Amino acid sequence: FAKELVSFIKNYNPKFCLGVAGYPEGHPESAILELDIKYLKEKVEAGGEYIITQLFFDNKDFFNFQDKCQKEGIKVPIIPGIMPITSLKQIKKITKICGATIPAKLLSELENNPDKVSEIGIRQAVSQCKELLSKGVPGLHFFVLNQSGPISQILRELKFGHPR
């Protein structure tokens, strides 16, 4: 289990800074989010110093997850995981594996505009990031997947990058 790995690493070298994974919509192998959060607390208690979440597309899922973590007594920073959609086929496969969902409205827009998937995905990610940052998240984690272009564009639009 992850908590055992975290504990092993911390015992081996307490100076290691360790992050652990969190699932805003629940782990794909679990039916109960509250149980996932109890396991997450165990990972933090074993030495996890921050949480990076699995990707999500509806910030309500993140804020709900964040609230439940706080109620469970988890006090470490929770960093939202953002993945810009650049391929409909790819994101459908990834979300199926990790248990994340694409909101119906966003999915419909993507399916009805196959030539604009990347543009829609980047726009959605920028909007998502702006809201998260406005609500005080401690940072953002981008799932890059060897595609620096979309991330660079998102960072420029968020005013974090240097214009070219």
C-alpha atoms as a PDB file:
ATOM      1  CA  PHE A   1       0.000   0.000   0.000  1.00  0.00           C
ATOM      2  CA  ALA A   2       1.089   3.578  -0.604  1.00  0.00           C
ATOM      3  CA  LYS A   3       1.114   4.410   3.101  1.00  0.00           C
ATOM      4  CA  GLU A   4       3.641   1.633   3.646  1.00  0.00           C
ATOM      5  CA  LEU A   5       5.867   2.946   0.870  1.00  0.00           C
ATOM      6  CA  VAL A   6       5.685   6.468   2.301  1.00  0.00           C
ATOM      7  CA  SER A   7       6.538   5.152   5.766  1.00  0.00           C
ATOM      8  CA  PHE A   8       9.441   3.083   4.398  1.00  0.00           C
ATOM      9  CA  ILE A   9      10.922   6.059   2.551  1.00  0.00           C
ATOM     10  CA  LYS A  10      10.527   8.401   5.542  1.00  0.00           C
ATOM     11  CA  ASN A  11      12.192   5.840   7.811  1.00  0.00           C
ATOM     12  CA  TYR A  12      14.998   5.398   5.293  1.00  0.00           C
ATOM     13  CA  ASN A  13      15.601   9.138   4.962  1.00  0.00           C
ATOM     14  CA  PRO A  14      13.383  11.544   6.929  1.00  0.00           C
ATOM     15  CA  LYS A  15      14.685  14.480   4.849  1.00  0.00           C
ATOM     16  CA  PHE A  16      12.887  13.286   1.714  1.00  0.00           C
ATOM     17  CA  CYS A  17       9.910  15.466   0.892  1.00  0.00           C
ATOM     18  CA  LEU A  18       7.093  13.216  -0.234  1.00  0.00           C
ATOM     19  CA  GLY A  19       3.885  13.986  -2.032  1.00  0.00           C
ATOM     20  CA  VAL A  20       0.963  11.587  -2.139  1.00  0.00           C
ATOM     21  CA  ALA A  21      -1.898  11.126  -4.592  1.00  0.00           C
ATOM     22  CA  GLY A  22      -5.477  12.177  -3.948  1.00  0.00           C
ATOM     23  CA  TYR A  23      -8.573  11.443  -6.018  1.00  0.00           C
ATOM     24  CA  PRO A  24     -11.191  14.236  -6.055  1.00  0.00           C
ATOM     25  CA  GLU A  25     -13.759  11.919  -7.631  1.00  0.00           C
ATOM     26  CA  GLY A  26     -12.637   8.863  -5.708  1.00  0.00           C
ATOM     27  CA  HIS A  27     -10.145   6.139  -6.507  1.00  0.00           C
ATOM     28  CA  PRO A  28     -11.367   4.008  -9.438  1.00  0.00           C
ATOM     29  CA  GLU A  29     -11.202   0.872  -7.283  1.00  0.00           C
ATOM     30  CA  SER A  30     -13.268   2.383  -4.475  1.00  0.00           C
ATOM     31  CA  ALA A  31     -16.955   3.126  -4.335  1.00  0.00           C
ATOM     32  CA  ILE A  32     -16.805   5.447  -1.319  1.00  0.00           C
ATOM     33  CA  LEU A  33     -14.965   8.793  -1.449  1.00  0.00           C
ATOM     34  CA  GLU A  34     -14.958   9.099   2.340  1.00  0.00           C
ATOM     35  CA  LEU A  35     -13.048   5.806   2.596  1.00  0.00           C
ATOM     36  CA  ASP A  36     -10.516   7.083   0.048  1.00  0.00           C
ATOM     37  CA  ILE A  37     -10.008  10.148   2.207  1.00  0.00           C
ATOM     38  CA  LYS A  38      -9.376   7.998   5.284  1.00  0.00           C
ATOM     39  CA  TYR A  39      -6.681   6.142   3.316  1.00  0.00           C
ATOM     40  CA  LEU A  40      -5.309   9.476   2.145  1.00  0.00           C
ATOM     41  CA  LYS A  41      -5.050  10.622   5.770  1.00  0.00           C
ATOM     42  CA  GLU A  42      -3.070   7.463   6.535  1.00  0.00           C
ATOM     43  CA  LYS A  43      -0.635   8.336   3.719  1.00  0.00           C
ATOM     44  CA  VAL A  44      -0.235  11.837   5.131  1.00  0.00           C
ATOM     45  CA  GLU A  45       0.236  10.513   8.672  1.00  0.00           C
ATOM     46  CA  ALA A  46       2.911   8.139   7.328  1.00  0.00           C
ATOM     47  CA  GLY A  47       4.870  11.148   6.051  1.00  0.00           C
ATOM     48  CA  GLY A  48       3.153  12.641   3.005  1.00  0.00           C
ATOM     49  CA  GLU A  49       3.849  16.372   3.086  1.00  0.00           C
ATOM     50  CA  TYR A  50       1.511  17.450   0.311  1.00  0.00           C
ATOM     51  CA  ILE A  51      -1.174  15.974  -1.936  1.00  0.00           C
ATOM     52  CA  ILE A  52      -1.334  16.189  -5.721  1.00  0.00           C
ATOM     53  CA  THR A  53      -4.726  15.272  -7.056  1.00  0.00           C
ATOM     54  CA  GLN A  54      -5.630  13.114  -9.972  1.00  0.00           C
ATOM     55  CA  LEU A  55      -6.935  15.097 -12.921  1.00  0.00           C
ATOM     56  CA  PHE A  56     -10.460  16.478 -12.812  1.00  0.00           C
ATOM     57  CA  PHE A  57     -12.458  18.848 -14.988  1.00  0.00           C
ATOM     58  CA  ASP A  58     -15.100  20.195 -12.625  1.00  0.00           C
ATOM     59  CA  ASN A  59     -13.676  22.368  -9.864  1.00  0.00           C
ATOM     60  CA  LYS A  60     -16.677  21.526  -7.689  1.00  0.00           C
ATOM     61  CA  ASP A  61     -15.202  18.035  -7.384  1.00  0.00           C
ATOM     62  CA  PHE A  62     -11.911  19.505  -6.159  1.00  0.00           C
ATOM     63  CA  PHE A  63     -13.516  21.883  -3.659  1.00  0.00           C
ATOM     64  CA  ASN A  64     -15.760  19.100  -2.329  1.00  0.00           C
ATOM     65  CA  PHE A  65     -12.688  16.863  -1.962  1.00  0.00           C
ATOM     66  CA  GLN A  66     -10.756  19.664  -0.252  1.00  0.00           C
ATOM     67  CA  ASP A  67     -13.601  20.233   2.234  1.00  0.00           C
ATOM     68  CA  LYS A  68     -13.843  16.524   3.037  1.00  0.00           C
ATOM     69  CA  CYS A  69     -10.070  16.355   3.582  1.00  0.00           C
ATOM     70  CA  GLN A  70     -10.210  19.301   5.974  1.00  0.00           C
ATOM     71  CA  LYS A  71     -13.091  17.698   7.895  1.00  0.00           C
ATOM     72  CA  GLU A  72     -10.998  14.523   8.155  1.00  0.00           C
ATOM     73  CA  GLY A  73      -8.171  16.578   9.687  1.00  0.00           C
ATOM     74  CA  ILE A  74      -5.827  16.590   6.696  1.00  0.00           C
ATOM     75  CA  LYS A  75      -3.840  19.818   6.942  1.00  0.00           C
ATOM     76  CA  VAL A  76      -1.167  19.458   4.243  1.00  0.00           C
ATOM     77  CA  PRO A  77      -1.370  21.462   0.997  1.00  0.00           C
ATOM     78  CA  ILE A  78      -3.634  19.966  -1.668  1.00  0.00           C
ATOM     79  CA  ILE A  79      -2.404  20.769  -5.164  1.00  0.00           C
ATOM     80  CA  PRO A  80      -4.908  20.299  -7.992  1.00  0.00           C
ATOM     81  CA  GLY A  81      -3.829  18.163 -10.952  1.00  0.00           C
ATOM     82  CA  ILE A  82      -4.712  19.730 -14.300  1.00  0.00           C
ATOM     83  CA  MET A  83      -4.621  17.995 -17.658  1.00  0.00           C
ATOM     84  CA  PRO A  84      -5.487  20.048 -20.712  1.00  0.00           C
ATOM     85  CA  ILE A  85      -7.480  18.051 -23.217  1.00  0.00           C
ATOM     86  CA  THR A  86      -5.616  17.834 -26.516  1.00  0.00           C
ATOM     87  CA  SER A  87      -7.057  14.571 -27.854  1.00  0.00           C
ATOM     88  CA  LEU A  88     -10.582  13.304 -27.302  1.00  0.00           C
ATOM     89  CA  LYS A  89      -9.569   9.665 -27.804  1.00  0.00           C
ATOM     90  CA  GLN A  90      -6.690  10.011 -25.341  1.00  0.00           C
ATOM     91  CA  ILE A  91      -8.681  11.788 -22.631  1.00  0.00           C
ATOM     92  CA  LYS A  92     -11.527   9.263 -22.832  1.00  0.00           C
ATOM     93  CA  LYS A  93      -8.994   6.477 -22.291  1.00  0.00           C
ATOM     94  CA  ILE A  94      -7.256   8.287 -19.421  1.00  0.00           C
ATOM     95  CA  THR A  95     -10.462   9.178 -17.603  1.00  0.00           C
ATOM     96  CA  LYS A  96     -11.693   5.605 -17.916  1.00  0.00           C
ATOM     97  CA  ILE A  97      -8.493   4.354 -16.272  1.00  0.00           C
ATOM     98  CA  CYS A  98      -8.305   6.921 -13.464  1.00  0.00           C
ATOM     99  CA  GLY A  99     -12.001   7.300 -12.676  1.00  0.00           C
ATOM    100  CA  ALA A 100     -12.297  10.978 -13.580  1.00  0.00           C
ATOM    101  CA  THR A 101     -15.295  12.291 -15.490  1.00  0.00           C
ATOM    102  CA  ILE A 102     -15.658  14.849 -18.235  1.00  0.00           C
ATOM    103  CA  PRO A 103     -18.681  17.097 -17.609  1.00  0.00           C
ATOM    104  CA  ALA A 104     -21.445  16.425 -20.155  1.00  0.00           C
ATOM    105  CA  LYS A 105     -21.416  19.972 -21.545  1.00  0.00           C
ATOM    106  CA  LEU A 106     -17.640  19.885 -22.114  1.00  0.00           C
ATOM    107  CA  LEU A 107     -17.774  16.401 -23.615  1.00  0.00           C
ATOM    108  CA  SER A 108     -20.528  17.444 -26.015  1.00  0.00           C
ATOM    109  CA  GLU A 109     -18.559  20.499 -27.112  1.00  0.00           C
ATOM    110  CA  LEU A 110     -15.478  18.342 -27.715  1.00  0.00           C
ATOM    111  CA  GLU A 111     -17.409  15.698 -29.661  1.00  0.00           C
ATOM    112  CA  ASN A 112     -19.188  18.296 -31.792  1.00  0.00           C
ATOM    113  CA  ASN A 113     -15.967  20.136 -32.678  1.00  0.00           C
ATOM    114  CA  PRO A 114     -13.345  17.461 -33.412  1.00  0.00           C
ATOM    115  CA  ASP A 115     -11.084  19.940 -35.219  1.00  0.00           C
ATOM    116  CA  LYS A 116     -11.017  22.255 -32.173  1.00  0.00           C
ATOM    117  CA  VAL A 117     -10.396  19.755 -29.355  1.00  0.00           C
ATOM    118  CA  SER A 118      -7.051  21.230 -28.322  1.00  0.00           C
ATOM    119  CA  GLU A 119      -8.382  24.797 -28.457  1.00  0.00           C
ATOM    120  CA  ILE A 120     -11.397  23.843 -26.321  1.00  0.00           C
ATOM    121  CA  GLY A 121      -9.216  21.857 -23.922  1.00  0.00           C
ATOM    122  CA  ILE A 122      -6.780  24.714 -23.413  1.00  0.00           C
ATOM    123  CA  ARG A 123      -9.610  27.215 -22.920  1.00  0.00           C
ATOM    124  CA  GLN A 124     -11.208  24.922 -20.359  1.00  0.00           C
ATOM    125  CA  ALA A 125      -7.904  24.411 -18.504  1.00  0.00           C
ATOM    126  CA  VAL A 126      -7.243  28.172 -18.357  1.00  0.00           C
ATOM    127  CA  SER A 127     -10.717  28.796 -16.976  1.00  0.00           C
ATOM    128  CA  GLN A 128     -10.312  25.986 -14.474  1.00  0.00           C
ATOM    129  CA  CYS A 129      -6.908  27.298 -13.320  1.00  0.00           C
ATOM    130  CA  LYS A 130      -8.133  30.877 -12.955  1.00  0.00           C
ATOM    131  CA  GLU A 131     -10.936  29.788 -10.646  1.00  0.00           C
ATOM    132  CA  LEU A 132      -8.676  27.521  -8.604  1.00  0.00           C
ATOM    133  CA  LEU A 133      -6.066  30.243  -8.181  1.00  0.00           C
ATOM    134  CA  SER A 134      -8.732  32.813  -7.261  1.00  0.00           C
ATOM    135  CA  LYS A 135      -9.836  30.457  -4.458  1.00  0.00           C
ATOM    136  CA  GLY A 136      -6.313  30.243  -3.056  1.00  0.00           C
ATOM    137  CA  VAL A 137      -4.978  26.826  -4.057  1.00  0.00           C
ATOM    138  CA  PRO A 138      -1.304  26.493  -3.076  1.00  0.00           C
ATOM    139  CA  GLY A 139      -0.207  25.750  -6.644  1.00  0.00           C
ATOM    140  CA  LEU A 140      -1.071  23.818  -9.765  1.00  0.00           C
ATOM    141  CA  HIS A 141       0.296  20.526 -11.057  1.00  0.00           C
ATOM    142  CA  PHE A 142       0.100  20.025 -14.824  1.00  0.00           C
ATOM    143  CA  PHE A 143       0.041  16.591 -16.397  1.00  0.00           C
ATOM    144  CA  VAL A 144       2.164  17.475 -19.422  1.00  0.00           C
ATOM    145  CA  LEU A 145       2.374  14.123 -21.274  1.00  0.00           C
ATOM    146  CA  ASN A 146       5.306  15.350 -23.387  1.00  0.00           C
ATOM    147  CA  GLN A 147       3.227  18.208 -24.775  1.00  0.00           C
ATOM    148  CA  SER A 148       4.844  21.426 -23.613  1.00  0.00           C
ATOM    149  CA  GLY A 149       3.005  23.585 -26.174  1.00  0.00           C
ATOM    150  CA  PRO A 150      -0.445  23.501 -24.541  1.00  0.00           C
ATOM    151  CA  ILE A 151       1.057  24.020 -21.076  1.00  0.00           C
ATOM    152  CA  SER A 152       3.126  26.971 -22.319  1.00  0.00           C
ATOM    153  CA  GLN A 153      -0.011  28.522 -23.805  1.00  0.00           C
ATOM    154  CA  ILE A 154      -1.938  28.010 -20.551  1.00  0.00           C
ATOM    155  CA  LEU A 155       0.862  29.582 -18.525  1.00  0.00           C
ATOM    156  CA  ARG A 156       1.036  32.581 -20.872  1.00  0.00           C
ATOM    157  CA  GLU A 157      -2.714  33.088 -20.589  1.00  0.00           C
ATOM    158  CA  LEU A 158      -2.418  32.864 -16.810  1.00  0.00           C
ATOM    159  CA  LYS A 159       0.412  35.435 -17.017  1.00  0.00           C
ATOM    160  CA  PHE A 160       3.035  32.996 -15.701  1.00  0.00           C
ATOM    161  CA  GLY A 161       5.046  32.675 -18.901  1.00  0.00           C
ATOM    162  CA  HIS A 162       7.228  34.962 -20.924  1.00  0.00           C
ATOM    163  CA  PRO A 163       5.622  36.051 -24.196  1.00  0.00           C
ATOM    164  CA  ARG A 164       7.513  35.005 -27.291  1.00  0.00           C
END
